[in-house]
Amino acid sequence: IPEGNGTTIMEFILLGFRDLPKLHGLLFLLFLVIYLATMAGNLLIMALVVADQHLHTPMYFFLGNLSFLETCYSSTILPRLLASLLTGDRTISVAGCIAQLYVFGSLAGTECCLLSVMSYDRYLAICKPLHYAARMNGQLCLKLVAGLWIGGFVSVSVFVFMMSQLTFCGPNTIDHFFCDFRPIIKLSCTDTHMVKVASFVSSSIFTLPPFLLTLASYVYIISTILRIPSTSGRQKAFSTCSSHLIVVSIFYGTLIMVYLVSESDALRDLNKVFSVFYGVLTPLVNPLIYSLRNKEVKEALRKVLLRFFYR
């Protein structure tokens, strides 16, 4: 593709992990295992939530949605990355790149809000148990989830539409393993000020308020847990909540560092590492942290396995 001020670029080259050429085979195997484990864990949770009547509660309804979201989230990034590591073909069309950014950005925004709703659900269940059934009813759960999905995709569509109007004249190399906002915007040869403002506003709305709500919910939850008389009950509840808090802090924290903190050379080098955390590892660990450690999920899985082997 010719480069220069007079030529419009029609495709980008995702450099990915080009600085680690000797590790491409190992990275392919690593990301393949992560992708298969992520899909298996999340699909299992979705199947259990649908199949088992005991899991038809608000908490598991949200967890089922989170698992569905994580399968979409991983499938937006990892298959393309695996193909480039296997074949060496790192090209992607400009339209395909912007489409990947749109889907990934929409899902990330939806997940930020969904995690905060899940933390609020746990806050009501633990801190306000007498009001829980009345406040967190089925109709409200459906409205919340529908609002999250619609809000995530509609809000990101505004600045992605603005990006689709930009012209790219070269160079056409993106120093990342997927189409992320900052590396793409640098390649435009037209004015990007308004797109950057729209992106910053959208990122701020979908990261900071949900993170603060999640943090506040867990502060109240932990303070309530500390008043539990039973030591074993307190330790179990504290262990569960602290693991939730660690995972959501890593997810929100890395997103905030990538999208809201002003970019320096040092941070630019770390962006790929941060992206692996929120884009690859979070979908892998969420099923383990949120669901597969739960007694109800283990029991549902045990019943399914018994039916399968002894039918």
C-alpha atoms as a PDB file:
ATOM      1  CA  ILE A   1       0.000   0.000   0.000  1.00  0.00           C
ATOM      2  CA  PRO A   2       1.592   3.308  -0.952  1.00  0.00           C
ATOM      3  CA  GLU A   3       2.031   5.776   1.816  1.00  0.00           C
ATOM      4  CA  GLY A   4       2.001   9.522   1.665  1.00  0.00           C
ATOM      5  CA  ASN A   5      -0.144  12.560   2.146  1.00  0.00           C
ATOM      6  CA  GLY A   6      -2.043  12.005  -1.095  1.00  0.00           C
ATOM      7  CA  THR A   7      -2.937   8.345  -0.603  1.00  0.00           C
ATOM      8  CA  THR A   8      -5.734   6.999   1.552  1.00  0.00           C
ATOM      9  CA  ILE A   9      -4.823   3.809   3.390  1.00  0.00           C
ATOM     10  CA  MET A  10      -7.312   0.949   3.116  1.00  0.00           C
ATOM     11  CA  GLU A  11      -5.711  -1.462   5.609  1.00  0.00           C
ATOM     12  CA  PHE A  12      -3.574  -1.463   8.732  1.00  0.00           C
ATOM     13  CA  ILE A  13      -0.820  -3.762   9.946  1.00  0.00           C
ATOM     14  CA  LEU A  14      -1.166  -4.900  13.573  1.00  0.00           C
ATOM     15  CA  LEU A  15       2.408  -5.298  14.794  1.00  0.00           C
ATOM     16  CA  GLY A  16       1.281  -7.387  17.774  1.00  0.00           C
ATOM     17  CA  PHE A  17       4.232  -9.057  19.493  1.00  0.00           C
ATOM     18  CA  ARG A  18       6.739  -8.507  16.686  1.00  0.00           C
ATOM     19  CA  ASP A  19       9.493  -7.716  19.225  1.00  0.00           C
ATOM     20  CA  LEU A  20       9.200 -11.335  20.471  1.00  0.00           C
ATOM     21  CA  PRO A  21       9.527 -13.318  17.197  1.00  0.00           C
ATOM     22  CA  LYS A  22      11.103 -16.378  18.841  1.00  0.00           C
ATOM     23  CA  LEU A  23       8.158 -16.647  21.256  1.00  0.00           C
ATOM     24  CA  HIS A  24       5.359 -16.598  18.655  1.00  0.00           C
ATOM     25  CA  GLY A  25       4.835 -20.369  18.842  1.00  0.00           C
ATOM     26  CA  LEU A  26       4.713 -20.295  22.635  1.00  0.00           C
ATOM     27  CA  LEU A  27       2.416 -17.232  22.631  1.00  0.00           C
ATOM     28  CA  PHE A  28       0.084 -18.976  20.171  1.00  0.00           C
ATOM     29  CA  LEU A  29      -0.221 -22.007  22.471  1.00  0.00           C
ATOM     30  CA  LEU A  30      -0.657 -19.807  25.554  1.00  0.00           C
ATOM     31  CA  PHE A  31      -3.406 -17.644  24.021  1.00  0.00           C
ATOM     32  CA  LEU A  32      -5.092 -20.717  22.494  1.00  0.00           C
ATOM     33  CA  VAL A  33      -5.281 -22.402  25.923  1.00  0.00           C
ATOM     34  CA  ILE A  34      -6.559 -19.153  27.489  1.00  0.00           C
ATOM     35  CA  TYR A  35      -9.219 -18.760  24.775  1.00  0.00           C
ATOM     36  CA  LEU A  36     -10.428 -22.369  25.010  1.00  0.00           C
ATOM     37  CA  ALA A  37     -10.517 -22.222  28.830  1.00  0.00           C
ATOM     38  CA  THR A  38     -12.356 -18.885  28.741  1.00  0.00           C
ATOM     39  CA  MET A  39     -14.968 -20.184  26.309  1.00  0.00           C
ATOM     40  CA  ALA A  40     -15.411 -23.488  28.174  1.00  0.00           C
ATOM     41  CA  GLY A  41     -15.771 -21.821  31.597  1.00  0.00           C
ATOM     42  CA  ASN A  42     -18.201 -19.144  30.465  1.00  0.00           C
ATOM     43  CA  LEU A  43     -20.315 -21.451  28.272  1.00  0.00           C
ATOM     44  CA  LEU A  44     -20.554 -23.920  31.168  1.00  0.00           C
ATOM     45  CA  ILE A  45     -21.855 -21.198  33.496  1.00  0.00           C
ATOM     46  CA  MET A  46     -24.396 -20.006  30.903  1.00  0.00           C
ATOM     47  CA  ALA A  47     -25.642 -23.583  30.417  1.00  0.00           C
ATOM     48  CA  LEU A  48     -25.931 -24.201  34.170  1.00  0.00           C
ATOM     49  CA  VAL A  49     -27.767 -20.910  34.796  1.00  0.00           C
ATOM     50  CA  VAL A  50     -30.303 -21.748  32.064  1.00  0.00           C
ATOM     51  CA  ALA A  51     -30.720 -25.432  32.988  1.00  0.00           C
ATOM     52  CA  ASP A  52     -30.902 -25.331  36.800  1.00  0.00           C
ATOM     53  CA  GLN A  53     -34.034 -23.861  38.406  1.00  0.00           C
ATOM     54  CA  HIS A  54     -32.131 -23.134  41.629  1.00  0.00           C
ATOM     55  CA  LEU A  55     -29.920 -20.673  39.712  1.00  0.00           C
ATOM     56  CA  HIS A  56     -32.877 -18.621  38.410  1.00  0.00           C
ATOM     57  CA  THR A  57     -32.106 -15.748  40.799  1.00  0.00           C
ATOM     58  CA  PRO A  58     -30.963 -12.154  40.150  1.00  0.00           C
ATOM     59  CA  MET A  59     -27.343 -12.933  41.093  1.00  0.00           C
ATOM     60  CA  TYR A  60     -27.043 -15.807  38.617  1.00  0.00           C
ATOM     61  CA  PHE A  61     -28.998 -13.918  35.973  1.00  0.00           C
ATOM     62  CA  PHE A  62     -26.286 -11.237  36.118  1.00  0.00           C
ATOM     63  CA  LEU A  63     -23.537 -13.883  36.191  1.00  0.00           C
ATOM     64  CA  GLY A  64     -25.038 -15.561  33.114  1.00  0.00           C
ATOM     65  CA  ASN A  65     -25.005 -12.220  31.318  1.00  0.00           C
ATOM     66  CA  LEU A  66     -21.408 -11.632  32.406  1.00  0.00           C
ATOM     67  CA  SER A  67     -20.407 -15.039  31.011  1.00  0.00           C
ATOM     68  CA  PHE A  68     -22.169 -14.314  27.700  1.00  0.00           C
ATOM     69  CA  LEU A  69     -20.439 -10.942  27.547  1.00  0.00           C
ATOM     70  CA  GLU A  70     -17.036 -12.524  28.253  1.00  0.00           C
ATOM     71  CA  THR A  71     -17.434 -15.051  25.418  1.00  0.00           C
ATOM     72  CA  CYS A  72     -18.180 -12.182  23.005  1.00  0.00           C
ATOM     73  CA  TYR A  73     -15.372 -10.075  24.501  1.00  0.00           C
ATOM     74  CA  SER A  74     -12.712 -12.781  24.073  1.00  0.00           C
ATOM     75  CA  SER A  75     -13.963 -13.686  20.599  1.00  0.00           C
ATOM     76  CA  THR A  76     -13.520 -10.079  19.466  1.00  0.00           C
ATOM     77  CA  ILE A  77      -9.757 -10.137  20.138  1.00  0.00           C
ATOM     78  CA  LEU A  78      -8.271 -13.607  20.493  1.00  0.00           C
ATOM     79  CA  PRO A  79      -9.221 -15.424  17.230  1.00  0.00           C
ATOM     80  CA  ARG A  80      -7.690 -12.572  15.182  1.00  0.00           C
ATOM     81  CA  LEU A  81      -4.565 -12.576  17.380  1.00  0.00           C
ATOM     82  CA  LEU A  82      -4.241 -16.383  17.148  1.00  0.00           C
ATOM     83  CA  ALA A  83      -4.539 -16.246  13.339  1.00  0.00           C
ATOM     84  CA  SER A  84      -1.790 -13.612  13.062  1.00  0.00           C
ATOM     85  CA  LEU A  85       0.537 -15.558  15.390  1.00  0.00           C
ATOM     86  CA  LEU A  86      -0.054 -18.760  13.387  1.00  0.00           C
ATOM     87  CA  THR A  87       0.101 -17.407   9.823  1.00  0.00           C
ATOM     88  CA  GLY A  88       2.148 -14.245  10.234  1.00  0.00           C
ATOM     89  CA  ASP A  89      -0.565 -12.256   8.394  1.00  0.00           C
ATOM     90  CA  ARG A  90      -1.023  -9.095  10.456  1.00  0.00           C
ATOM     91  CA  THR A  91      -3.082  -7.019   7.999  1.00  0.00           C
ATOM     92  CA  ILE A  92      -6.620  -5.851   8.752  1.00  0.00           C
ATOM     93  CA  SER A  93      -8.839  -3.526   6.699  1.00  0.00           C
ATOM     94  CA  VAL A  94      -9.578  -0.047   8.061  1.00  0.00           C
ATOM     95  CA  ALA A  95     -13.311  -0.887   8.195  1.00  0.00           C
ATOM     96  CA  GLY A  96     -12.576  -4.190   9.950  1.00  0.00           C
ATOM     97  CA  CYS A  97     -10.319  -2.438  12.434  1.00  0.00           C
ATOM     98  CA  ILE A  98     -12.932   0.186  13.319  1.00  0.00           C
ATOM     99  CA  ALA A  99     -15.583  -2.562  13.584  1.00  0.00           C
ATOM    100  CA  GLN A 100     -13.353  -4.482  16.031  1.00  0.00           C
ATOM    101  CA  LEU A 101     -12.821  -1.302  18.060  1.00  0.00           C
ATOM    102  CA  TYR A 102     -16.591  -0.668  18.128  1.00  0.00           C
ATOM    103  CA  VAL A 103     -17.537  -4.154  19.336  1.00  0.00           C
ATOM    104  CA  PHE A 104     -14.684  -4.322  21.848  1.00  0.00           C
ATOM    105  CA  GLY A 105     -15.363  -0.807  23.202  1.00  0.00           C
ATOM    106  CA  SER A 106     -19.110  -1.464  23.505  1.00  0.00           C
ATOM    107  CA  LEU A 107     -18.552  -4.737  25.381  1.00  0.00           C
ATOM    108  CA  ALA A 108     -15.955  -3.152  27.684  1.00  0.00           C
ATOM    109  CA  GLY A 109     -18.371  -0.331  28.560  1.00  0.00           C
ATOM    110  CA  THR A 110     -21.201  -2.814  29.128  1.00  0.00           C
ATOM    111  CA  GLU A 111     -18.975  -4.942  31.371  1.00  0.00           C
ATOM    112  CA  CYS A 112     -17.935  -1.932  33.483  1.00  0.00           C
ATOM    113  CA  CYS A 113     -21.589  -1.169  34.217  1.00  0.00           C
ATOM    114  CA  LEU A 114     -22.570  -4.827  34.662  1.00  0.00           C
ATOM    115  CA  LEU A 115     -19.852  -5.363  37.294  1.00  0.00           C
ATOM    116  CA  SER A 116     -21.139  -2.333  39.226  1.00  0.00           C
ATOM    117  CA  VAL A 117     -24.738  -3.646  39.036  1.00  0.00           C
ATOM    118  CA  MET A 118     -23.518  -7.036  40.302  1.00  0.00           C
ATOM    119  CA  SER A 119     -21.718  -5.377  43.223  1.00  0.00           C
ATOM    120  CA  TYR A 120     -24.887  -3.394  44.046  1.00  0.00           C
ATOM    121  CA  ASP A 121     -26.890  -6.646  43.912  1.00  0.00           C
ATOM    122  CA  ARG A 122     -24.494  -8.207  46.447  1.00  0.00           C
ATOM    123  CA  TYR A 123     -24.704  -5.052  48.592  1.00  0.00           C
ATOM    124  CA  LEU A 124     -28.511  -5.345  48.753  1.00  0.00           C
ATOM    125  CA  ALA A 125     -28.364  -9.094  49.458  1.00  0.00           C
ATOM    126  CA  ILE A 126     -25.811  -8.781  52.289  1.00  0.00           C
ATOM    127  CA  CYS A 127     -26.480  -5.352  53.776  1.00  0.00           C
ATOM    128  CA  LYS A 128     -30.261  -5.023  53.147  1.00  0.00           C
ATOM    129  CA  PRO A 129     -31.528  -8.633  53.093  1.00  0.00           C
ATOM    130  CA  LEU A 130     -35.084  -7.729  54.182  1.00  0.00           C
ATOM    131  CA  HIS A 131     -35.500  -5.333  51.235  1.00  0.00           C
ATOM    132  CA  TYR A 132     -33.638  -7.478  48.672  1.00  0.00           C
ATOM    133  CA  ALA A 133     -36.585  -9.419  47.186  1.00  0.00           C
ATOM    134  CA  ALA A 134     -38.687  -6.284  46.782  1.00  0.00           C
ATOM    135  CA  ARG A 135     -35.942  -4.148  45.252  1.00  0.00           C
ATOM    136  CA  MET A 136     -34.165  -6.678  43.024  1.00  0.00           C
ATOM    137  CA  ASN A 137     -37.127  -8.285  41.253  1.00  0.00           C
ATOM    138  CA  GLY A 138     -37.123  -9.998  37.876  1.00  0.00           C
ATOM    139  CA  GLN A 139     -38.542  -7.039  35.971  1.00  0.00           C
ATOM    140  CA  LEU A 140     -35.896  -4.669  37.329  1.00  0.00           C
ATOM    141  CA  CYS A 141     -33.123  -7.166  36.468  1.00  0.00           C
ATOM    142  CA  LEU A 142     -34.325  -7.377  32.860  1.00  0.00           C
ATOM    143  CA  LYS A 143     -34.536  -3.582  32.549  1.00  0.00           C
ATOM    144  CA  LEU A 144     -31.073  -3.116  34.055  1.00  0.00           C
ATOM    145  CA  VAL A 145     -29.425  -5.641  31.749  1.00  0.00           C
ATOM    146  CA  ALA A 146     -31.251  -4.364  28.644  1.00  0.00           C
ATOM    147  CA  GLY A 147     -30.232  -0.804  29.551  1.00  0.00           C
ATOM    148  CA  LEU A 148     -26.589  -1.834  30.019  1.00  0.00           C
ATOM    149  CA  TRP A 149     -26.340  -3.594  26.654  1.00  0.00           C
ATOM    150  CA  ILE A 150     -28.165  -0.851  24.728  1.00  0.00           C
ATOM    151  CA  GLY A 151     -26.265   1.924  26.536  1.00  0.00           C
ATOM    152  CA  GLY A 152     -22.888   0.287  25.871  1.00  0.00           C
ATOM    153  CA  PHE A 153     -23.432  -0.120  22.140  1.00  0.00           C
ATOM    154  CA  VAL A 154     -25.219   3.202  21.524  1.00  0.00           C
ATOM    155  CA  SER A 155     -22.732   5.387  23.420  1.00  0.00           C
ATOM    156  CA  VAL A 156     -19.644   3.944  21.714  1.00  0.00           C
ATOM    157  CA  SER A 157     -21.309   4.221  18.288  1.00  0.00           C
ATOM    158  CA  VAL A 158     -21.112   8.045  18.520  1.00  0.00           C
ATOM    159  CA  PHE A 159     -17.319   8.366  18.570  1.00  0.00           C
ATOM    160  CA  VAL A 160     -16.800   5.283  16.367  1.00  0.00           C
ATOM    161  CA  PHE A 161     -18.989   6.940  13.720  1.00  0.00           C
ATOM    162  CA  MET A 162     -16.795  10.038  14.072  1.00  0.00           C
ATOM    163  CA  MET A 163     -13.707   7.835  13.617  1.00  0.00           C
ATOM    164  CA  SER A 164     -15.150   6.282  10.464  1.00  0.00           C
ATOM    165  CA  GLN A 165     -15.194   9.776   8.929  1.00  0.00           C
ATOM    166  CA  LEU A 166     -11.433  10.226   9.444  1.00  0.00           C
ATOM    167  CA  THR A 167      -8.881   9.815   6.654  1.00  0.00           C
ATOM    168  CA  PHE A 168      -5.741   7.723   7.147  1.00  0.00           C
ATOM    169  CA  CYS A 169      -2.767   8.610   4.943  1.00  0.00           C
ATOM    170  CA  GLY A 170       0.136   6.694   6.474  1.00  0.00           C
ATOM    171  CA  PRO A 171       2.002   5.174   8.113  1.00  0.00           C
ATOM    172  CA  ASN A 172      -0.355   2.202   8.472  1.00  0.00           C
ATOM    173  CA  THR A 173       1.270   0.236  11.326  1.00  0.00           C
ATOM    174  CA  ILE A 174      -0.506  -0.169  14.691  1.00  0.00           C
ATOM    175  CA  ASP A 175       1.821  -1.099  17.550  1.00  0.00           C
ATOM    176  CA  HIS A 176      -0.750  -3.283  19.298  1.00  0.00           C
ATOM    177  CA  PHE A 177      -2.274  -6.777  19.052  1.00  0.00           C
ATOM    178  CA  PHE A 178      -5.811  -5.466  18.387  1.00  0.00           C
ATOM    179  CA  CYS A 179      -7.432  -2.287  17.083  1.00  0.00           C
ATOM    180  CA  ASP A 180      -7.385   0.022  20.080  1.00  0.00           C
ATOM    181  CA  PHE A 181      -8.400   3.684  20.068  1.00  0.00           C
ATOM    182  CA  ARG A 182      -5.134   5.517  20.750  1.00  0.00           C
ATOM    183  CA  PRO A 183      -2.903   3.654  18.272  1.00  0.00           C
ATOM    184  CA  ILE A 184      -5.508   4.126  15.487  1.00  0.00           C
ATOM    185  CA  ILE A 185      -6.171   7.808  16.137  1.00  0.00           C
ATOM    186  CA  LYS A 186      -2.456   8.607  15.776  1.00  0.00           C
ATOM    187  CA  LEU A 187      -2.512   7.399  12.174  1.00  0.00           C
ATOM    188  CA  SER A 188      -5.180   9.871  11.019  1.00  0.00           C
ATOM    189  CA  CYS A 189      -4.102  12.795   8.844  1.00  0.00           C
ATOM    190  CA  THR A 190      -7.299  14.785   9.624  1.00  0.00           C
ATOM    191  CA  ASP A 191      -8.269  16.737  12.750  1.00  0.00           C
ATOM    192  CA  THR A 192      -8.982  14.312  15.609  1.00  0.00           C
ATOM    193  CA  HIS A 193      -9.700  16.757  18.456  1.00  0.00           C
ATOM    194  CA  MET A 194     -13.467  16.149  18.639  1.00  0.00           C
ATOM    195  CA  VAL A 195     -13.030  12.365  18.370  1.00  0.00           C
ATOM    196  CA  LYS A 196     -10.571  12.440  21.280  1.00  0.00           C
ATOM    197  CA  VAL A 197     -13.009  14.534  23.358  1.00  0.00           C
ATOM    198  CA  ALA A 198     -15.901  12.140  22.578  1.00  0.00           C
ATOM    199  CA  SER A 199     -13.724   9.137  23.459  1.00  0.00           C
ATOM    200  CA  PHE A 200     -12.564  10.699  26.741  1.00  0.00           C
ATOM    201  CA  VAL A 201     -16.145  11.574  27.773  1.00  0.00           C
ATOM    202  CA  SER A 202     -17.412   8.073  26.892  1.00  0.00           C
ATOM    203  CA  SER A 203     -14.481   6.380  28.688  1.00  0.00           C
ATOM    204  CA  SER A 204     -14.967   8.574  31.769  1.00  0.00           C
ATOM    205  CA  ILE A 205     -18.694   7.790  32.005  1.00  0.00           C
ATOM    206  CA  PHE A 206     -18.184   4.042  31.604  1.00  0.00           C
ATOM    207  CA  THR A 207     -15.209   3.604  33.952  1.00  0.00           C
ATOM    208  CA  LEU A 208     -15.116   6.088  36.836  1.00  0.00           C
ATOM    209  CA  PRO A 209     -18.775   6.110  38.093  1.00  0.00           C
ATOM    210  CA  PRO A 210     -19.149   2.276  37.838  1.00  0.00           C
ATOM    211  CA  PHE A 211     -15.787   1.804  39.581  1.00  0.00           C
ATOM    212  CA  LEU A 212     -16.731   4.179  42.417  1.00  0.00           C
ATOM    213  CA  LEU A 213     -20.149   2.485  42.804  1.00  0.00           C
ATOM    214  CA  THR A 214     -18.466  -0.941  42.892  1.00  0.00           C
ATOM    215  CA  LEU A 215     -15.904   0.274  45.427  1.00  0.00           C
ATOM    216  CA  ALA A 216     -18.596   1.838  47.645  1.00  0.00           C
ATOM    217  CA  SER A 217     -20.700  -1.356  47.495  1.00  0.00           C
ATOM    218  CA  TYR A 218     -17.789  -3.523  48.591  1.00  0.00           C
ATOM    219  CA  VAL A 219     -16.814  -1.111  51.379  1.00  0.00           C
ATOM    220  CA  TYR A 220     -20.357  -1.461  52.804  1.00  0.00           C
ATOM    221  CA  ILE A 221     -20.314  -5.238  52.218  1.00  0.00           C
ATOM    222  CA  ILE A 222     -16.972  -5.715  53.993  1.00  0.00           C
ATOM    223  CA  SER A 223     -18.021  -3.502  56.925  1.00  0.00           C
ATOM    224  CA  THR A 224     -21.197  -5.634  57.268  1.00  0.00           C
ATOM    225  CA  ILE A 225     -19.179  -8.864  57.027  1.00  0.00           C
ATOM    226  CA  LEU A 226     -16.863  -7.735  59.820  1.00  0.00           C
ATOM    227  CA  ARG A 227     -19.891  -7.626  62.133  1.00  0.00           C
ATOM    228  CA  ILE A 228     -20.774 -11.302  61.468  1.00  0.00           C
ATOM    229  CA  PRO A 229     -20.409 -13.168  64.798  1.00  0.00           C
ATOM    230  CA  SER A 230     -19.276 -16.480  63.247  1.00  0.00           C
ATOM    231  CA  THR A 231     -15.520 -16.431  62.529  1.00  0.00           C
ATOM    232  CA  SER A 232     -15.723 -19.090  59.801  1.00  0.00           C
ATOM    233  CA  GLY A 233     -18.684 -17.332  58.134  1.00  0.00           C
ATOM    234  CA  ARG A 234     -16.845 -14.033  58.296  1.00  0.00           C
ATOM    235  CA  GLN A 235     -13.672 -15.493  56.778  1.00  0.00           C
ATOM    236  CA  LYS A 236     -15.556 -17.220  53.941  1.00  0.00           C
ATOM    237  CA  ALA A 237     -17.567 -14.108  53.037  1.00  0.00           C
ATOM    238  CA  PHE A 238     -14.490 -11.875  53.313  1.00  0.00           C
ATOM    239  CA  SER A 239     -12.457 -14.222  51.092  1.00  0.00           C
ATOM    240  CA  THR A 240     -15.162 -14.178  48.394  1.00  0.00           C
ATOM    241  CA  CYS A 241     -15.625 -10.391  48.464  1.00  0.00           C
ATOM    242  CA  SER A 242     -11.899  -9.633  48.536  1.00  0.00           C
ATOM    243  CA  SER A 243     -11.310 -11.826  45.462  1.00  0.00           C
ATOM    244  CA  HIS A 244     -14.179 -10.034  43.655  1.00  0.00           C
ATOM    245  CA  LEU A 245     -12.699  -6.670  44.620  1.00  0.00           C
ATOM    246  CA  ILE A 246      -9.200  -7.616  43.414  1.00  0.00           C
ATOM    247  CA  VAL A 247     -10.506  -8.735  40.012  1.00  0.00           C
ATOM    248  CA  VAL A 248     -12.707  -5.668  39.435  1.00  0.00           C
ATOM    249  CA  SER A 249      -9.906  -3.340  40.637  1.00  0.00           C
ATOM    250  CA  ILE A 250      -7.479  -4.852  38.100  1.00  0.00           C
ATOM    251  CA  PHE A 251     -10.125  -4.614  35.354  1.00  0.00           C
ATOM    252  CA  TYR A 252     -11.158  -1.005  36.068  1.00  0.00           C
ATOM    253  CA  GLY A 253      -7.612   0.070  37.001  1.00  0.00           C
ATOM    254  CA  THR A 254      -6.001  -1.101  33.763  1.00  0.00           C
ATOM    255  CA  LEU A 255      -8.849   0.390  31.689  1.00  0.00           C
ATOM    256  CA  ILE A 256      -8.453   3.750  33.448  1.00  0.00           C
ATOM    257  CA  MET A 257      -4.665   3.692  32.930  1.00  0.00           C
ATOM    258  CA  VAL A 258      -5.041   2.977  29.190  1.00  0.00           C
ATOM    259  CA  TYR A 259      -7.959   5.276  28.333  1.00  0.00           C
ATOM    260  CA  LEU A 260      -7.954   8.147  30.823  1.00  0.00           C
ATOM    261  CA  VAL A 261      -4.362   8.724  31.965  1.00  0.00           C
ATOM    262  CA  SER A 262      -2.346  10.954  29.637  1.00  0.00           C
ATOM    263  CA  GLU A 263      -0.026   8.850  27.519  1.00  0.00           C
ATOM    264  CA  SER A 264       3.714   8.955  28.133  1.00  0.00           C
ATOM    265  CA  ASP A 265       6.446   6.822  26.538  1.00  0.00           C
ATOM    266  CA  ALA A 266       6.619   4.600  29.634  1.00  0.00           C
ATOM    267  CA  LEU A 267       2.844   4.057  29.684  1.00  0.00           C
ATOM    268  CA  ARG A 268       2.744   3.415  25.939  1.00  0.00           C
ATOM    269  CA  ASP A 269       5.104   0.464  26.431  1.00  0.00           C
ATOM    270  CA  LEU A 270       2.867  -0.848  29.230  1.00  0.00           C
ATOM    271  CA  ASN A 271      -0.399  -0.526  27.269  1.00  0.00           C
ATOM    272  CA  LYS A 272      -0.048  -3.985  25.718  1.00  0.00           C
ATOM    273  CA  VAL A 273       0.490  -5.474  29.180  1.00  0.00           C
ATOM    274  CA  PHE A 274      -2.550  -3.615  30.594  1.00  0.00           C
ATOM    275  CA  SER A 275      -4.598  -4.717  27.563  1.00  0.00           C
ATOM    276  CA  VAL A 276      -3.715  -8.368  28.214  1.00  0.00           C
ATOM    277  CA  PHE A 277      -5.092  -7.923  31.760  1.00  0.00           C
ATOM    278  CA  TYR A 278      -8.470  -6.383  30.868  1.00  0.00           C
ATOM    279  CA  GLY A 279      -8.911  -7.979  27.444  1.00  0.00           C
ATOM    280  CA  VAL A 280      -7.569 -11.521  27.904  1.00  0.00           C
ATOM    281  CA  LEU A 281      -7.104 -12.486  31.562  1.00  0.00           C
ATOM    282  CA  THR A 282     -10.279 -10.951  33.058  1.00  0.00           C
ATOM    283  CA  PRO A 283     -12.626 -13.095  30.893  1.00  0.00           C
ATOM    284  CA  LEU A 284     -10.582 -16.141  31.951  1.00  0.00           C
ATOM    285  CA  VAL A 285     -10.676 -15.550  35.717  1.00  0.00           C
ATOM    286  CA  ASN A 286     -14.207 -14.148  36.073  1.00  0.00           C
ATOM    287  CA  PRO A 287     -15.907 -17.585  35.796  1.00  0.00           C
ATOM    288  CA  LEU A 288     -13.515 -18.948  38.445  1.00  0.00           C
ATOM    289  CA  ILE A 289     -13.858 -15.995  40.808  1.00  0.00           C
ATOM    290  CA  TYR A 290     -17.589 -15.302  40.494  1.00  0.00           C
ATOM    291  CA  SER A 291     -19.179 -18.650  39.758  1.00  0.00           C
ATOM    292  CA  LEU A 292     -17.241 -21.893  39.843  1.00  0.00           C
ATOM    293  CA  ARG A 293     -16.328 -21.400  43.521  1.00  0.00           C
ATOM    294  CA  ASN A 294     -20.000 -20.980  44.508  1.00  0.00           C
ATOM    295  CA  LYS A 295     -21.701 -23.829  46.348  1.00  0.00           C
ATOM    296  CA  GLU A 296     -24.880 -23.521  44.245  1.00  0.00           C
ATOM    297  CA  VAL A 297     -22.944 -23.670  40.959  1.00  0.00           C
ATOM    298  CA  LYS A 298     -20.918 -26.674  42.155  1.00  0.00           C
ATOM    299  CA  GLU A 299     -24.139 -28.449  43.142  1.00  0.00           C
ATOM    300  CA  ALA A 300     -25.756 -27.665  39.756  1.00  0.00           C
ATOM    301  CA  LEU A 301     -22.649 -28.978  37.977  1.00  0.00           C
ATOM    302  CA  ARG A 302     -22.668 -32.141  40.115  1.00  0.00           C
ATOM    303  CA  LYS A 303     -26.330 -32.807  39.210  1.00  0.00           C
ATOM    304  CA  VAL A 304     -25.648 -32.302  35.498  1.00  0.00           C
ATOM    305  CA  LEU A 305     -22.668 -34.677  35.599  1.00  0.00           C
ATOM    306  CA  LEU A 306     -24.692 -37.292  37.503  1.00  0.00           C
ATOM    307  CA  ARG A 307     -27.502 -37.079  34.922  1.00  0.00           C
ATOM    308  CA  PHE A 308     -24.970 -37.351  32.105  1.00  0.00           C
ATOM    309  CA  PHE A 309     -23.068 -40.388  33.451  1.00  0.00           C
ATOM    310  CA  TYR A 310     -25.979 -42.306  35.032  1.00  0.00           C
ATOM    311  CA  ARG A 311     -28.826 -41.770  32.599  1.00  0.00           C
END
